[in-house]
Amino acid sequence: MRSTQSNSQKNSQFKSLVLLALVLISSIYSVNVSAQERELRSPPRKLTAKQAEVAASNYQKYCALCHGENREGYANDHAPSLKSKSLMESGIAHQVLRAMQYGRKGTAMAGYLDEVGGPMTLAETWDLTYWLFEQAGFDRLKFSTKPVTGDIKLGETLYQANCTACHGVNGEGVNAPALMNQSALAHNTDEFIRHAIENGRQGTPMQAFNEKLSTQEINSITAFLRSKSLGLNETKPTLTAMPEPKDYIINKQGDDPNFTLKDGMYVMSADLNRALENNSRMVLLDTRVPSVWQTAHIEGAIPFPYYADLDETVAGIPKDVQIVAYCSCPRAAADYTINKLRRRGYTRTAVLWEGIFGWMHLGYPVRRGDIADVSH
């Protein structure tokens, strides 16, 4: 009887060992398959020397303030790196191009395409995208456009545990990109999102999660993020005519606001709103890209983009009037602009401390542009 039980136990143990071995072999095979290099895509078209020269100039003029002179990112407003390997091997062209052209609604990233009120032509946005790719020097990888499947509930739990400190509880972005931004989700494929989670963004605070989370867990976070893109309707602004120099000064007959400035530079939203309610004489400068001025701006503000030629933009603005500049960074572009003006002798200058997003969140009014629904 003891011998029979012993043999049975041995057989059971043997079967268990065989099953364990099969599981291990399967696991190793799965890891090897997932670790295989992706197929390469052919390089995009090569820029001419003139196209590359213009693109490099456009980058320094429009992008360096936030993304850094060397494309390293996080110079201002937590703008992402435009040189990290995992981005540049997977995001060229559309994932970078569309953000550049149309911006990220609800974030500091404005649209730079002339069709939405930006400063660049369609060809220039394409050339700048390809220039970024050439400067990075990485191969392009092939990515599927098929959806990534995963457990959305699990993905939400994992997102809250691993991602909210930087990307926000609602994906709004804290000190990193807004992952649940509808424009981003519309243009970023599931594979693009998963690749970023797996490999991180080299040279930035975004870590790689391929050794911290399993493949299924990363798939689940991807699926959770994708679930936030349902019901997206694409919209575009109906462009408003730009103000003329005669309209730059608001309340021409009003009194001076006599602001008390924080650190000799900044005016608080409450003080600016009070001055507007009192019909004080001022000039308001919206230093963002004009495309976002079209969408929403403080009543009376003129588009005065940070990259503009001062010889052109200061025309019609006297030096004896109080000037207040704002942006959405909340202050980087406005600081940059006001410092340039001060070097030109414009001493009656200030920056809105909270920026326009802070202004709006505090409940102060803005003038919104007309939005045309283009989803049909």
Protein backbone atom coordinates (compact mmCIF):
# COMPACT_ATOMS: atom_id res chain seq x y z
CA MET A 1 0.00 0.00 0.00
CA ARG A 2 2.81 2.40 0.86
CA SER A 3 4.60 1.53 -2.39
CA THR A 4 1.47 2.28 -4.45
CA GLN A 5 1.03 5.66 -2.75
CA SER A 6 4.66 6.49 -3.27
CA ASN A 7 4.49 5.72 -7.00
CA SER A 8 1.32 7.79 -7.33
CA GLN A 9 2.95 10.71 -5.60
CA LYS A 10 6.00 10.36 -7.84
CA ASN A 11 3.83 10.36 -10.96
CA SER A 12 1.99 13.46 -9.73
CA GLN A 13 5.24 15.24 -8.99
CA PHE A 14 6.62 14.28 -12.41
CA LYS A 15 3.51 15.65 -14.16
CA SER A 16 3.80 18.87 -12.18
CA LEU A 17 7.43 19.26 -13.18
CA VAL A 18 6.56 18.67 -16.84
CA LEU A 19 3.80 21.27 -16.70
CA LEU A 20 6.12 23.76 -15.00
CA ALA A 21 8.75 23.19 -17.65
CA LEU A 22 6.20 23.78 -20.41
CA VAL A 23 5.08 27.01 -18.76
CA LEU A 24 8.68 28.19 -18.45
CA ILE A 25 9.45 27.32 -22.06
CA SER A 26 6.30 29.12 -23.17
CA SER A 27 7.24 32.14 -21.08
CA ILE A 28 10.76 32.26 -22.49
CA TYR A 29 9.40 31.92 -26.01
CA SER A 30 6.94 34.76 -25.41
CA VAL A 31 9.70 37.02 -24.07
CA ASN A 32 11.91 36.22 -27.05
CA VAL A 33 9.11 36.93 -29.50
CA SER A 34 8.21 40.25 -27.83
CA ALA A 35 11.87 41.22 -27.73
CA GLN A 36 12.41 40.71 -31.44
CA GLU A 37 13.32 43.86 -33.31
CA ARG A 38 10.52 45.50 -35.22
CA GLU A 39 10.71 45.73 -38.97
CA LEU A 40 12.23 48.98 -40.19
CA ARG A 41 10.34 51.51 -42.27
CA SER A 42 12.06 53.30 -45.11
CA PRO A 43 13.37 56.76 -44.23
CA PRO A 44 11.18 59.76 -45.08
CA ARG A 45 12.10 62.11 -47.89
CA LYS A 46 15.39 63.92 -47.50
CA LEU A 47 15.23 67.66 -47.03
CA THR A 48 17.15 69.94 -49.34
CA ALA A 49 19.81 72.15 -47.78
CA LYS A 50 17.49 75.15 -48.06
CA GLN A 51 14.53 73.29 -46.52
CA ALA A 52 16.72 72.13 -43.62
CA GLU A 53 17.99 75.67 -43.08
CA VAL A 54 14.45 77.08 -42.91
CA ALA A 55 13.29 74.24 -40.65
CA ALA A 56 16.18 74.79 -38.23
CA SER A 57 15.37 78.49 -38.11
CA ASN A 58 11.67 77.80 -37.55
CA TYR A 59 12.50 75.43 -34.71
CA GLN A 60 14.56 78.06 -32.88
CA LYS A 61 11.94 80.73 -33.55
CA TYR A 62 8.82 78.80 -32.59
CA CYS A 63 9.79 75.74 -30.55
CA ALA A 64 13.03 76.28 -28.61
CA LEU A 65 11.43 78.44 -25.91
CA CYS A 66 9.56 75.43 -24.52
CA HIS A 67 11.21 72.36 -26.08
CA GLY A 68 14.79 73.61 -25.57
CA GLU A 69 17.47 74.86 -27.94
CA ASN A 70 18.72 71.31 -28.48
CA ARG A 71 15.28 69.64 -28.55
CA GLU A 72 15.87 68.22 -25.07
CA GLY A 73 12.44 69.24 -23.76
CA TYR A 74 11.22 70.65 -20.44
CA ALA A 75 12.65 74.12 -21.00
CA ASN A 76 9.21 75.56 -20.20
CA ASP A 77 5.73 74.24 -19.44
CA HIS A 78 7.02 70.66 -19.31
CA ALA A 79 7.15 70.50 -23.11
CA PRO A 80 8.34 67.00 -24.08
CA SER A 81 11.67 66.09 -25.60
CA LEU A 82 11.74 66.08 -29.40
CA LYS A 83 14.91 64.01 -29.62
CA SER A 84 14.32 60.93 -27.44
CA LYS A 85 14.85 57.65 -29.25
CA SER A 86 11.52 56.03 -28.41
CA LEU A 87 9.62 59.04 -29.73
CA MET A 88 11.59 59.71 -32.89
CA GLU A 89 11.67 56.07 -33.98
CA SER A 90 7.90 55.73 -33.59
CA GLY A 91 6.29 59.14 -33.93
CA ILE A 92 7.39 60.48 -37.28
CA ALA A 93 5.58 61.90 -38.92
CA HIS A 94 1.98 62.21 -37.83
CA GLN A 95 2.30 61.94 -34.06
CA VAL A 96 4.61 64.96 -34.07
CA LEU A 97 3.21 66.70 -37.15
CA ARG A 98 -0.43 66.87 -36.04
CA ALA A 99 0.43 68.24 -32.62
CA MET A 100 2.54 70.91 -34.30
CA GLN A 101 -0.12 71.78 -36.84
CA TYR A 102 -3.26 71.79 -34.69
CA GLY A 103 -1.95 72.01 -31.13
CA ARG A 104 -3.32 70.29 -28.06
CA LYS A 105 -6.57 71.89 -26.98
CA GLY A 106 -6.62 72.58 -23.25
CA THR A 107 -2.81 72.65 -23.02
CA ALA A 108 -0.12 75.24 -23.70
CA MET A 109 0.64 73.62 -27.07
CA ALA A 110 -0.88 75.82 -29.77
CA GLY A 111 -1.45 75.10 -33.45
CA TYR A 112 1.27 76.46 -35.74
CA LEU A 113 -0.42 75.80 -39.10
CA ASP A 114 -1.61 78.90 -40.93
CA GLU A 115 -5.01 77.30 -41.56
CA VAL A 116 -5.80 77.60 -37.83
CA GLY A 117 -4.12 80.98 -37.38
CA GLY A 118 -0.54 79.83 -36.87
CA PRO A 119 2.64 81.18 -38.52
CA MET A 120 3.72 78.23 -40.73
CA THR A 121 2.56 76.86 -44.05
CA LEU A 122 1.65 73.22 -44.53
CA ALA A 123 4.97 72.56 -46.28
CA GLU A 124 6.92 74.22 -43.47
CA THR A 125 5.27 72.04 -40.81
CA TRP A 126 6.13 68.90 -42.79
CA ASP A 127 9.71 70.08 -43.30
CA LEU A 128 10.14 70.84 -39.60
CA THR A 129 8.85 67.39 -38.72
CA TYR A 130 11.34 65.71 -41.06
CA TRP A 131 14.11 67.98 -39.79
CA LEU A 132 13.44 66.79 -36.25
CA PHE A 133 13.70 63.20 -37.45
CA GLU A 134 16.97 63.85 -39.30
CA GLN A 135 18.48 65.59 -36.29
CA ALA A 136 17.59 62.69 -34.00
CA GLY A 137 19.34 60.19 -36.25
CA PHE A 138 17.30 57.06 -35.47
CA ASP A 139 15.72 54.47 -37.75
CA ARG A 140 11.96 54.45 -38.22
CA LEU A 141 10.17 51.37 -36.93
CA LYS A 142 6.98 49.85 -38.28
CA PHE A 143 4.01 50.01 -35.94
CA SER A 144 0.63 48.40 -36.34
CA THR A 145 -2.51 50.52 -36.40
CA LYS A 146 -4.52 47.72 -34.80
CA PRO A 147 -6.00 48.31 -31.33
CA VAL A 148 -4.22 46.98 -28.26
CA THR A 149 -6.53 44.87 -26.11
CA GLY A 150 -6.35 44.77 -22.35
CA ASP A 151 -8.31 44.89 -19.12
CA ILE A 152 -9.53 48.51 -18.91
CA LYS A 153 -10.37 48.27 -15.20
CA LEU A 154 -6.93 46.89 -14.42
CA GLY A 155 -5.42 49.58 -16.64
CA GLU A 156 -7.19 52.29 -14.67
CA THR A 157 -5.87 50.88 -11.38
CA LEU A 158 -2.35 50.67 -12.75
CA TYR A 159 -2.58 54.17 -14.23
CA GLN A 160 -3.64 55.64 -10.89
CA ALA A 161 -0.80 53.81 -9.14
CA ASN A 162 1.98 54.63 -11.58
CA CYS A 163 1.13 57.64 -13.74
CA THR A 164 -0.91 60.28 -11.92
CA ALA A 165 1.98 62.08 -10.21
CA CYS A 166 3.22 63.32 -13.58
CA HIS A 167 0.27 62.94 -15.97
CA GLY A 168 -2.57 63.80 -13.60
CA VAL A 169 -5.50 61.88 -12.15
CA ASN A 170 -7.58 62.72 -15.21
CA GLY A 171 -4.71 62.59 -17.68
CA GLU A 172 -4.62 66.38 -17.81
CA GLY A 173 -0.86 66.64 -17.40
CA VAL A 174 0.88 67.91 -14.27
CA ASN A 175 4.56 68.04 -15.16
CA ALA A 176 4.29 65.76 -18.19
CA PRO A 177 2.11 65.53 -21.33
CA ALA A 178 -1.68 65.29 -21.05
CA LEU A 179 -2.27 61.65 -21.95
CA MET A 180 -6.06 61.90 -22.15
CA ASN A 181 -6.04 64.96 -24.38
CA GLN A 182 -8.54 64.24 -27.14
CA SER A 183 -6.32 65.50 -29.93
CA ALA A 184 -3.44 63.34 -28.73
CA LEU A 185 -5.64 60.25 -28.52
CA ALA A 186 -7.04 60.95 -31.98
CA HIS A 187 -3.60 61.04 -33.60
CA ASN A 188 -1.61 58.57 -31.46
CA THR A 189 -2.08 54.89 -32.29
CA ASP A 190 -2.30 52.26 -29.56
CA GLU A 191 1.12 50.87 -30.56
CA PHE A 192 2.62 54.36 -30.26
CA ILE A 193 1.21 54.73 -26.74
CA ARG A 194 2.32 51.26 -25.67
CA HIS A 195 5.84 51.80 -27.05
CA ALA A 196 6.17 54.96 -24.94
CA ILE A 197 5.06 53.13 -21.78
CA GLU A 198 7.34 50.18 -22.46
CA ASN A 199 10.46 52.15 -23.34
CA GLY A 200 9.99 55.51 -21.66
CA ARG A 201 11.41 58.69 -23.15
CA GLN A 202 15.19 58.65 -23.02
CA GLY A 203 16.75 61.76 -21.50
CA THR A 204 13.51 62.75 -19.73
CA PRO A 205 11.83 61.87 -16.40
CA MET A 206 9.59 59.36 -18.25
CA GLN A 207 10.88 55.95 -17.16
CA ALA A 208 10.56 52.68 -19.07
CA PHE A 209 8.02 50.31 -17.55
CA ASN A 210 9.01 47.18 -19.47
CA GLU A 211 10.80 45.75 -16.42
CA LYS A 212 8.30 47.01 -13.85
CA LEU A 213 5.03 45.94 -15.47
CA SER A 214 4.10 42.84 -17.45
CA THR A 215 3.13 42.97 -21.12
CA GLN A 216 -0.52 42.45 -20.19
CA GLU A 217 -0.38 45.25 -17.62
CA ILE A 218 1.10 47.64 -20.17
CA ASN A 219 -1.58 46.55 -22.65
CA SER A 220 -4.22 47.28 -20.01
CA ILE A 221 -2.95 50.82 -19.38
CA THR A 222 -2.93 51.38 -23.14
CA ALA A 223 -6.50 50.12 -23.42
CA PHE A 224 -7.56 52.33 -20.51
CA LEU A 225 -6.11 55.43 -22.16
CA ARG A 226 -7.74 54.53 -25.47
CA SER A 227 -11.11 54.17 -23.73
CA LYS A 228 -10.97 57.90 -22.98
CA SER A 229 -11.09 58.84 -26.67
CA LEU A 230 -14.68 57.77 -27.33
CA GLY A 231 -17.03 60.41 -28.66
CA LEU A 232 -14.37 62.78 -30.00
CA ASN A 233 -15.69 65.41 -32.42
CA GLU A 234 -13.09 67.31 -34.39
CA THR A 235 -13.58 71.07 -34.38
CA LYS A 236 -11.85 74.04 -35.92
CA PRO A 237 -12.11 77.75 -35.19
CA THR A 238 -13.84 80.21 -37.47
CA LEU A 239 -11.07 82.77 -37.73
CA THR A 240 -11.63 86.27 -36.38
CA ALA A 241 -10.13 89.34 -38.04
CA MET A 242 -6.95 90.55 -36.34
CA PRO A 243 -7.15 93.85 -34.42
CA GLU A 244 -5.70 96.96 -36.07
CA PRO A 245 -3.17 99.26 -34.34
CA LYS A 246 -5.91 101.81 -33.65
CA ASP A 247 -7.60 99.20 -31.46
CA TYR A 248 -4.52 98.21 -29.43
CA ILE A 249 -5.24 100.53 -26.50
CA ILE A 250 -8.41 99.66 -24.63
CA ASN A 251 -10.38 102.29 -22.72
CA LYS A 252 -8.39 105.14 -24.29
CA GLN A 253 -10.02 107.73 -22.02
CA GLY A 254 -9.70 105.65 -18.86
CA ASP A 255 -7.41 106.11 -15.87
CA ASP A 256 -4.09 104.36 -15.40
CA PRO A 257 -4.53 101.07 -13.45
CA ASN A 258 -1.59 101.84 -11.11
CA PHE A 259 -0.76 98.19 -10.46
CA THR A 260 1.40 97.13 -7.53
CA LEU A 261 3.56 94.47 -9.17
CA LYS A 262 4.79 91.26 -7.57
CA ASP A 263 8.60 91.14 -7.85
CA GLY A 264 8.46 94.24 -10.02
CA MET A 265 7.04 92.15 -12.88
CA TYR A 266 3.75 90.41 -12.18
CA VAL A 267 0.13 91.50 -11.86
CA MET A 268 -2.39 89.20 -10.24
CA SER A 269 -5.58 88.13 -12.02
CA ALA A 270 -7.80 89.79 -9.40
CA ASP A 271 -6.05 93.14 -9.91
CA LEU A 272 -6.21 92.91 -13.69
CA ASN A 273 -9.89 92.01 -13.62
CA ARG A 274 -10.60 94.94 -11.30
CA ALA A 275 -8.77 97.27 -13.70
CA LEU A 276 -10.80 95.97 -16.63
CA GLU A 277 -14.04 96.43 -14.71
CA ASN A 278 -12.94 100.01 -13.94
CA ASN A 279 -12.28 100.64 -17.65
CA SER A 280 -8.60 101.42 -17.06
CA ARG A 281 -6.39 102.43 -19.98
CA MET A 282 -4.16 99.51 -20.99
CA VAL A 283 -2.73 97.35 -23.72
CA LEU A 284 -3.20 93.58 -23.30
CA LEU A 285 -0.79 91.33 -25.18
CA ASP A 286 -1.64 87.68 -25.84
CA THR A 287 1.84 86.25 -26.43
CA ARG A 288 0.67 82.80 -27.50
CA VAL A 289 0.41 81.57 -31.07
CA PRO A 290 -2.50 83.44 -32.71
CA SER A 291 -4.35 80.17 -33.31
CA VAL A 292 -5.16 79.94 -29.60
CA TRP A 293 -5.95 83.66 -29.39
CA GLN A 294 -8.62 82.80 -31.96
CA THR A 295 -10.08 80.16 -29.63
CA ALA A 296 -10.18 82.22 -26.43
CA HIS A 297 -8.58 85.43 -25.18
CA ILE A 298 -9.09 88.11 -22.58
CA GLU A 299 -11.43 90.75 -23.99
CA GLY A 300 -9.41 93.49 -25.70
CA ALA A 301 -6.16 91.51 -25.92
CA ILE A 302 -4.22 91.67 -29.17
CA PRO A 303 -2.28 88.73 -30.64
CA PHE A 304 1.39 89.46 -29.96
CA PRO A 305 3.22 86.12 -30.38
CA TYR A 306 6.49 85.72 -28.50
CA TYR A 307 8.37 84.90 -31.73
CA ALA A 308 7.18 87.97 -33.66
CA ASP A 309 9.45 90.73 -34.97
CA LEU A 310 9.22 93.55 -32.44
CA ASP A 311 9.76 96.19 -35.10
CA GLU A 312 6.43 95.14 -36.55
CA THR A 313 4.41 94.27 -33.46
CA VAL A 314 5.16 97.36 -31.34
CA ALA A 315 3.84 99.66 -34.05
CA GLY A 316 0.98 101.65 -32.58
CA ILE A 317 1.89 100.96 -28.93
CA PRO A 318 3.13 104.06 -27.04
CA LYS A 319 5.55 103.81 -24.13
CA ASP A 320 3.39 105.74 -21.67
CA VAL A 321 0.57 103.16 -21.47
CA GLN A 322 0.43 100.21 -19.09
CA ILE A 323 1.14 96.97 -20.98
CA VAL A 324 0.13 93.58 -19.57
CA ALA A 325 1.20 90.38 -21.32
CA TYR A 326 -0.06 86.88 -20.70
CA CYS A 327 0.42 83.35 -21.99
CA SER A 328 -0.59 79.84 -20.92
CA CYS A 329 2.76 78.51 -19.67
CA PRO A 330 1.71 80.28 -17.34
CA ARG A 331 4.47 82.89 -17.75
CA ALA A 332 7.37 81.76 -19.96
CA ALA A 333 6.32 83.32 -23.28
CA ALA A 334 4.99 86.44 -21.57
CA ASP A 335 8.19 86.84 -19.52
CA TYR A 336 10.23 86.44 -22.69
CA THR A 337 8.17 89.09 -24.50
CA ILE A 338 8.10 91.63 -21.68
CA ASN A 339 11.86 91.33 -21.16
CA LYS A 340 12.35 92.11 -24.85
CA LEU A 341 10.05 95.12 -24.53
CA ARG A 342 11.84 96.37 -21.44
CA ARG A 343 15.14 96.25 -23.31
CA ARG A 344 13.43 98.47 -25.89
CA GLY A 345 12.53 101.03 -23.24
CA TYR A 346 8.96 99.91 -22.50
CA THR A 347 9.03 100.25 -18.72
CA ARG A 348 5.25 100.32 -18.09
CA THR A 349 5.06 96.56 -18.50
CA ALA A 350 3.80 93.57 -16.52
CA VAL A 351 3.03 89.86 -16.85
CA LEU A 352 -0.18 88.18 -15.71
CA TRP A 353 0.99 85.90 -12.88
CA GLU A 354 -1.53 83.09 -13.27
CA GLY A 355 -1.57 83.01 -17.10
CA ILE A 356 -4.78 82.70 -19.08
CA PHE A 357 -5.54 79.18 -17.83
CA GLY A 358 -5.25 80.39 -14.25
CA TRP A 359 -7.36 83.42 -15.16
CA MET A 360 -10.07 81.14 -16.58
CA HIS A 361 -9.91 78.70 -13.65
CA LEU A 362 -10.47 81.61 -11.27
CA GLY A 363 -13.69 82.35 -13.13
CA TYR A 364 -12.69 85.55 -14.94
CA PRO A 365 -14.20 86.11 -18.38
CA VAL A 366 -12.70 85.45 -21.80
CA ARG A 367 -13.92 86.08 -25.29
CA ARG A 368 -14.29 82.79 -27.13
CA GLY A 369 -14.02 82.33 -30.88
CA ASP A 370 -16.73 80.67 -32.91
CA ILE A 371 -16.17 76.92 -33.31
CA ALA A 372 -17.31 75.09 -36.40
CA ASP A 373 -18.11 71.36 -36.06
CA VAL A 374 -16.30 69.50 -38.84
CA SER A 375 -17.05 65.98 -37.65
CA HIS A 376 -19.53 65.40 -40.48
